[in-house]
């Protein structure tokens, strides 16, 4: 599970996939370019893909 915190409403947003479009479910802001809170997960996912 990947978590991002919206920089507009400050609420957490969760996804099972960190790729693709990511919209805050509370305020609708596009979070696609915001880094995930759990960077270790992202590193692990990239390592697994190789």
PDB file of N, CA and C in Angstrom:
ATOM      1  N   UNK A   1       0.851  -1.177   0.000  1.00  0.00           N
ATOM      2  CA  UNK A   1       0.000   0.000   0.000  1.00  0.00           C
ATOM      3  C   UNK A   1       0.893   1.237   0.000  1.00  0.00           C
ATOM      4  N   UNK A   2       0.567   2.174  -0.844  1.00  0.00           N
ATOM      5  CA  UNK A   2       1.326   3.413  -0.969  1.00  0.00           C
ATOM      6  C   UNK A   2       0.464   4.556  -0.444  1.00  0.00           C
ATOM      7  N   UNK A   3       1.102   5.483   0.266  1.00  0.00           N
ATOM      8  CA  UNK A   3       0.387   6.629   0.822  1.00  0.00           C
ATOM      9  C   UNK A   3       1.010   7.930   0.331  1.00  0.00           C
ATOM     10  N   UNK A   4       0.148   8.873  -0.024  1.00  0.00           N
ATOM     11  CA  UNK A   4       0.574  10.238  -0.324  1.00  0.00           C
ATOM     12  C   UNK A   4      -0.280  11.169   0.522  1.00  0.00           C
ATOM     13  N   UNK A   5       0.306  12.278   0.938  1.00  0.00           N
ATOM     14  CA  UNK A   5      -0.445  13.279   1.680  1.00  0.00           C
ATOM     15  C   UNK A   5      -0.711  14.459   0.756  1.00  0.00           C
ATOM     16  N   UNK A   6      -1.963  14.819   0.640  1.00  0.00           N
ATOM     17  CA  UNK A   6      -2.355  15.922  -0.230  1.00  0.00           C
ATOM     18  C   UNK A   6      -1.801  17.233   0.316  1.00  0.00           C
ATOM     19  N   UNK A   7      -1.148  18.012  -0.544  1.00  0.00           N
ATOM     20  CA  UNK A   7      -0.594  19.284  -0.093  1.00  0.00           C
ATOM     21  C   UNK A   7      -1.637  20.409  -0.086  1.00  0.00           C
ATOM     22  N   UNK A   8      -2.851  20.100  -0.522  1.00  0.00           N
ATOM     23  CA  UNK A   8      -3.933  21.093  -0.482  1.00  0.00           C
ATOM     24  C   UNK A   8      -4.799  20.921   0.771  1.00  0.00           C
ATOM     25  N   UNK A   9      -5.290  19.694   1.000  1.00  0.00           N
ATOM     26  CA  UNK A   9      -6.183  19.460   2.143  1.00  0.00           C
ATOM     27  C   UNK A   9      -5.500  18.736   3.305  1.00  0.00           C
ATOM     28  N   UNK A  10      -4.254  18.287   3.095  1.00  0.00           N
ATOM     29  CA  UNK A  10      -3.442  17.621   4.122  1.00  0.00           C
ATOM     30  C   UNK A  10      -3.994  16.267   4.566  1.00  0.00           C
ATOM     31  N   UNK A  11      -4.863  15.662   3.779  1.00  0.00           N
ATOM     32  CA  UNK A  11      -5.416  14.352   4.122  1.00  0.00           C
ATOM     33  C   UNK A  11      -4.649  13.262   3.383  1.00  0.00           C
ATOM     34  N   UNK A  12      -4.592  12.061   3.978  1.00  0.00           N
ATOM     35  CA  UNK A  12      -3.868  10.962   3.335  1.00  0.00           C
ATOM     36  C   UNK A  12      -4.686  10.314   2.217  1.00  0.00           C
ATOM     37  N   UNK A  13      -3.972   9.842   1.209  1.00  0.00           N
ATOM     38  CA  UNK A  13      -4.584   9.124   0.096  1.00  0.00           C
ATOM     39  C   UNK A  13      -3.797   7.836  -0.095  1.00  0.00           C
ATOM     40  N   UNK A  14      -4.485   6.721  -0.310  1.00  0.00           N
ATOM     41  CA  UNK A  14      -3.837   5.417  -0.402  1.00  0.00           C
ATOM     42  C   UNK A  14      -4.106   4.756  -1.746  1.00  0.00           C
ATOM     43  N   UNK A  15      -3.131   3.964  -2.193  1.00  0.00           N
ATOM     44  CA  UNK A  15      -3.291   3.214  -3.434  1.00  0.00           C
ATOM     45  C   UNK A  15      -2.439   1.953  -3.370  1.00  0.00           C
ATOM     46  N   UNK A  16      -2.828   0.947  -4.104  1.00  0.00           N
ATOM     47  CA  UNK A  16      -2.010  -0.269  -4.188  1.00  0.00           C
ATOM     48  C   UNK A  16      -0.985  -0.150  -5.310  1.00  0.00           C
ATOM     49  N   UNK A  17      -1.076   0.920  -6.098  1.00  0.00           N
ATOM     50  CA  UNK A  17      -0.171   1.129  -7.224  1.00  0.00           C
ATOM     51  C   UNK A  17       0.283   2.581  -7.221  1.00  0.00           C
ATOM     52  N   UNK A  18       1.572   2.819  -7.301  1.00  0.00           N
ATOM     53  CA  UNK A  18       2.079   4.191  -7.261  1.00  0.00           C
ATOM     54  C   UNK A  18       2.199   4.817  -8.645  1.00  0.00           C
ATOM     55  N   UNK A  19       1.949   4.061  -9.700  1.00  0.00           N
ATOM     56  CA  UNK A  19       2.090   4.583 -11.056  1.00  0.00           C
ATOM     57  C   UNK A  19       0.764   5.124 -11.574  1.00  0.00           C
ATOM     58  N   UNK A  20       0.855   6.014 -12.551  1.00  0.00           N
ATOM     59  CA  UNK A  20      -0.345   6.552 -13.182  1.00  0.00           C
ATOM     60  C   UNK A  20      -0.916   7.743 -12.438  1.00  0.00           C
ATOM     61  N   UNK A  21      -2.056   8.201 -12.928  1.00  0.00           N
ATOM     62  CA  UNK A  21      -2.708   9.370 -12.347  1.00  0.00           C
ATOM     63  C   UNK A  21      -3.167   9.079 -10.923  1.00  0.00           C
ATOM     64  N   UNK A  22      -3.007  10.066 -10.044  1.00  0.00           N
ATOM     65  CA  UNK A  22      -3.392   9.910  -8.641  1.00  0.00           C
ATOM     66  C   UNK A  22      -4.119  11.177  -8.216  1.00  0.00           C
ATOM     67  N   UNK A  23      -5.409  11.070  -7.959  1.00  0.00           N
ATOM     68  CA  UNK A  23      -6.245  12.210  -7.585  1.00  0.00           C
ATOM     69  C   UNK A  23      -6.667  12.062  -6.121  1.00  0.00           C
ATOM     70  N   UNK A  24      -6.564  13.154  -5.355  1.00  0.00           N
ATOM     71  CA  UNK A  24      -6.987  13.131  -3.951  1.00  0.00           C
ATOM     72  C   UNK A  24      -8.491  12.845  -3.890  1.00  0.00           C
ATOM     73  N   UNK A  25      -8.895  11.841  -3.109  1.00  0.00           N
ATOM     74  CA  UNK A  25     -10.317  11.502  -3.035  1.00  0.00           C
ATOM     75  C   UNK A  25     -11.138  12.514  -2.231  1.00  0.00           C
ATOM     76  N   UNK A  26     -10.469  13.406  -1.504  1.00  0.00           N
ATOM     77  CA  UNK A  26     -11.170  14.376  -0.664  1.00  0.00           C
ATOM     78  C   UNK A  26     -11.408  15.710  -1.366  1.00  0.00           C
ATOM     79  N   UNK A  27     -10.363  16.239  -2.031  1.00  0.00           N
ATOM     80  CA  UNK A  27     -10.500  17.572  -2.627  1.00  0.00           C
ATOM     81  C   UNK A  27     -10.315  17.588  -4.140  1.00  0.00           C
ATOM     82  N   UNK A  28      -9.881  16.467  -4.732  1.00  0.00           N
ATOM     83  CA  UNK A  28      -9.753  16.377  -6.177  1.00  0.00           C
ATOM     84  C   UNK A  28      -8.439  16.873  -6.757  1.00  0.00           C
ATOM     85  N   UNK A  29      -7.482  17.262  -5.907  1.00  0.00           N
ATOM     86  CA  UNK A  29      -6.189  17.744  -6.408  1.00  0.00           C
ATOM     87  C   UNK A  29      -5.401  16.593  -7.027  1.00  0.00           C
ATOM     88  N   UNK A  30      -4.679  16.884  -8.092  1.00  0.00           N
ATOM     89  CA  UNK A  30      -3.835  15.889  -8.755  1.00  0.00           C
ATOM     90  C   UNK A  30      -2.571  15.681  -7.920  1.00  0.00           C
ATOM     91  N   UNK A  31      -2.383  14.466  -7.403  1.00  0.00           N
ATOM     92  CA  UNK A  31      -1.228  14.132  -6.564  1.00  0.00           C
ATOM     93  C   UNK A  31      -0.182  13.326  -7.323  1.00  0.00           C
ATOM     94  N   UNK A  32      -0.347  13.190  -8.617  1.00  0.00           N
ATOM     95  CA  UNK A  32       0.527  12.339  -9.422  1.00  0.00           C
ATOM     96  C   UNK A  32       2.002  12.675  -9.235  1.00  0.00           C
ATOM     97  N   UNK A  33       2.357  13.946  -9.203  1.00  0.00           N
ATOM     98  CA  UNK A  33       3.763  14.348  -9.112  1.00  0.00           C
ATOM     99  C   UNK A  33       4.284  14.462  -7.678  1.00  0.00           C
ATOM    100  N   UNK A  34       3.420  14.264  -6.690  1.00  0.00           N
ATOM    101  CA  UNK A  34       3.835  14.318  -5.288  1.00  0.00           C
ATOM    102  C   UNK A  34       4.465  12.981  -4.912  1.00  0.00           C
ATOM    103  N   UNK A  35       5.575  13.033  -4.197  1.00  0.00           N
ATOM    104  CA  UNK A  35       6.256  11.807  -3.778  1.00  0.00           C
ATOM    105  C   UNK A  35       5.440  11.051  -2.739  1.00  0.00           C
ATOM    106  N   UNK A  36       5.531   9.747  -2.785  1.00  0.00           N
ATOM    107  CA  UNK A  36       4.860   8.900  -1.802  1.00  0.00           C
ATOM    108  C   UNK A  36       5.538   9.050  -0.449  1.00  0.00           C
ATOM    109  N   UNK A  37       4.773   8.847   0.620  1.00  0.00           N
ATOM    110  CA  UNK A  37       5.317   8.949   1.974  1.00  0.00           C
ATOM    111  C   UNK A  37       6.259   7.801   2.285  1.00  0.00           C
ATOM    112  N   UNK A  38       6.036   6.645   1.682  1.00  0.00           N
ATOM    113  CA  UNK A  38       6.848   5.469   1.961  1.00  0.00           C
ATOM    114  C   UNK A  38       7.800   5.216   0.796  1.00  0.00           C
ATOM    115  N   UNK A  39       8.928   5.901   0.784  1.00  0.00           N
ATOM    116  CA  UNK A  39       9.879   5.769  -0.320  1.00  0.00           C
ATOM    117  C   UNK A  39      10.511   4.379  -0.371  1.00  0.00           C
ATOM    118  N   UNK A  40      10.570   3.679   0.763  1.00  0.00           N
ATOM    119  CA  UNK A  40      11.114   2.319   0.784  1.00  0.00           C
ATOM    120  C   UNK A  40      10.284   1.406  -0.110  1.00  0.00           C
ATOM    121  N   UNK A  41       8.972   1.588  -0.116  1.00  0.00           N
ATOM    122  CA  UNK A  41       8.097   0.781  -0.962  1.00  0.00           C
ATOM    123  C   UNK A  41       8.421   1.021  -2.435  1.00  0.00           C
ATOM    124  N   UNK A  42       8.612   2.281  -2.790  1.00  0.00           N
ATOM    125  CA  UNK A  42       8.908   2.604  -4.186  1.00  0.00           C
ATOM    126  C   UNK A  42      10.211   1.964  -4.622  1.00  0.00           C
ATOM    127  N   UNK A  43      11.221   1.994  -3.773  1.00  0.00           N
ATOM    128  CA  UNK A  43      12.501   1.377  -4.101  1.00  0.00           C
ATOM    129  C   UNK A  43      12.317  -0.127  -4.282  1.00  0.00           C
ATOM    130  N   UNK A  44      11.569  -0.744  -3.381  1.00  0.00           N
ATOM    131  CA  UNK A  44      11.338  -2.189  -3.459  1.00  0.00           C
ATOM    132  C   UNK A  44      10.609  -2.555  -4.744  1.00  0.00           C
ATOM    133  N   UNK A  45       9.624  -1.769  -5.120  1.00  0.00           N
ATOM    134  CA  UNK A  45       8.854  -2.049  -6.333  1.00  0.00           C
ATOM    135  C   UNK A  45       9.746  -1.937  -7.566  1.00  0.00           C
ATOM    136  N   UNK A  46      10.620  -0.947  -7.608  1.00  0.00           N
ATOM    137  CA  UNK A  46      11.530  -0.789  -8.744  1.00  0.00           C
ATOM    138  C   UNK A  46      12.520  -1.948  -8.807  1.00  0.00           C
ATOM    139  N   UNK A  47      12.988  -2.397  -7.659  1.00  0.00           N
ATOM    140  CA  UNK A  47      13.934  -3.510  -7.601  1.00  0.00           C
ATOM    141  C   UNK A  47      13.282  -4.790  -8.112  1.00  0.00           C
ATOM    142  N   UNK A  48      12.044  -5.006  -7.744  1.00  0.00           N
ATOM    143  CA  UNK A  48      11.322  -6.212  -8.152  1.00  0.00           C
ATOM    144  C   UNK A  48      11.113  -6.227  -9.668  1.00  0.00           C
ATOM    145  N   UNK A  49      10.873  -5.068 -10.265  1.00  0.00           N
ATOM    146  CA  UNK A  49      10.631  -4.983 -11.707  1.00  0.00           C
ATOM    147  C   UNK A  49      11.844  -5.394 -12.532  1.00  0.00           C
ATOM    148  N   UNK A  50      13.045  -5.217 -11.984  1.00  0.00           N
ATOM    149  CA  UNK A  50      14.277  -5.484 -12.743  1.00  0.00           C
ATOM    150  C   UNK A  50      14.569  -6.930 -12.892  1.00  0.00           C
TER     151      UNK A  50
END
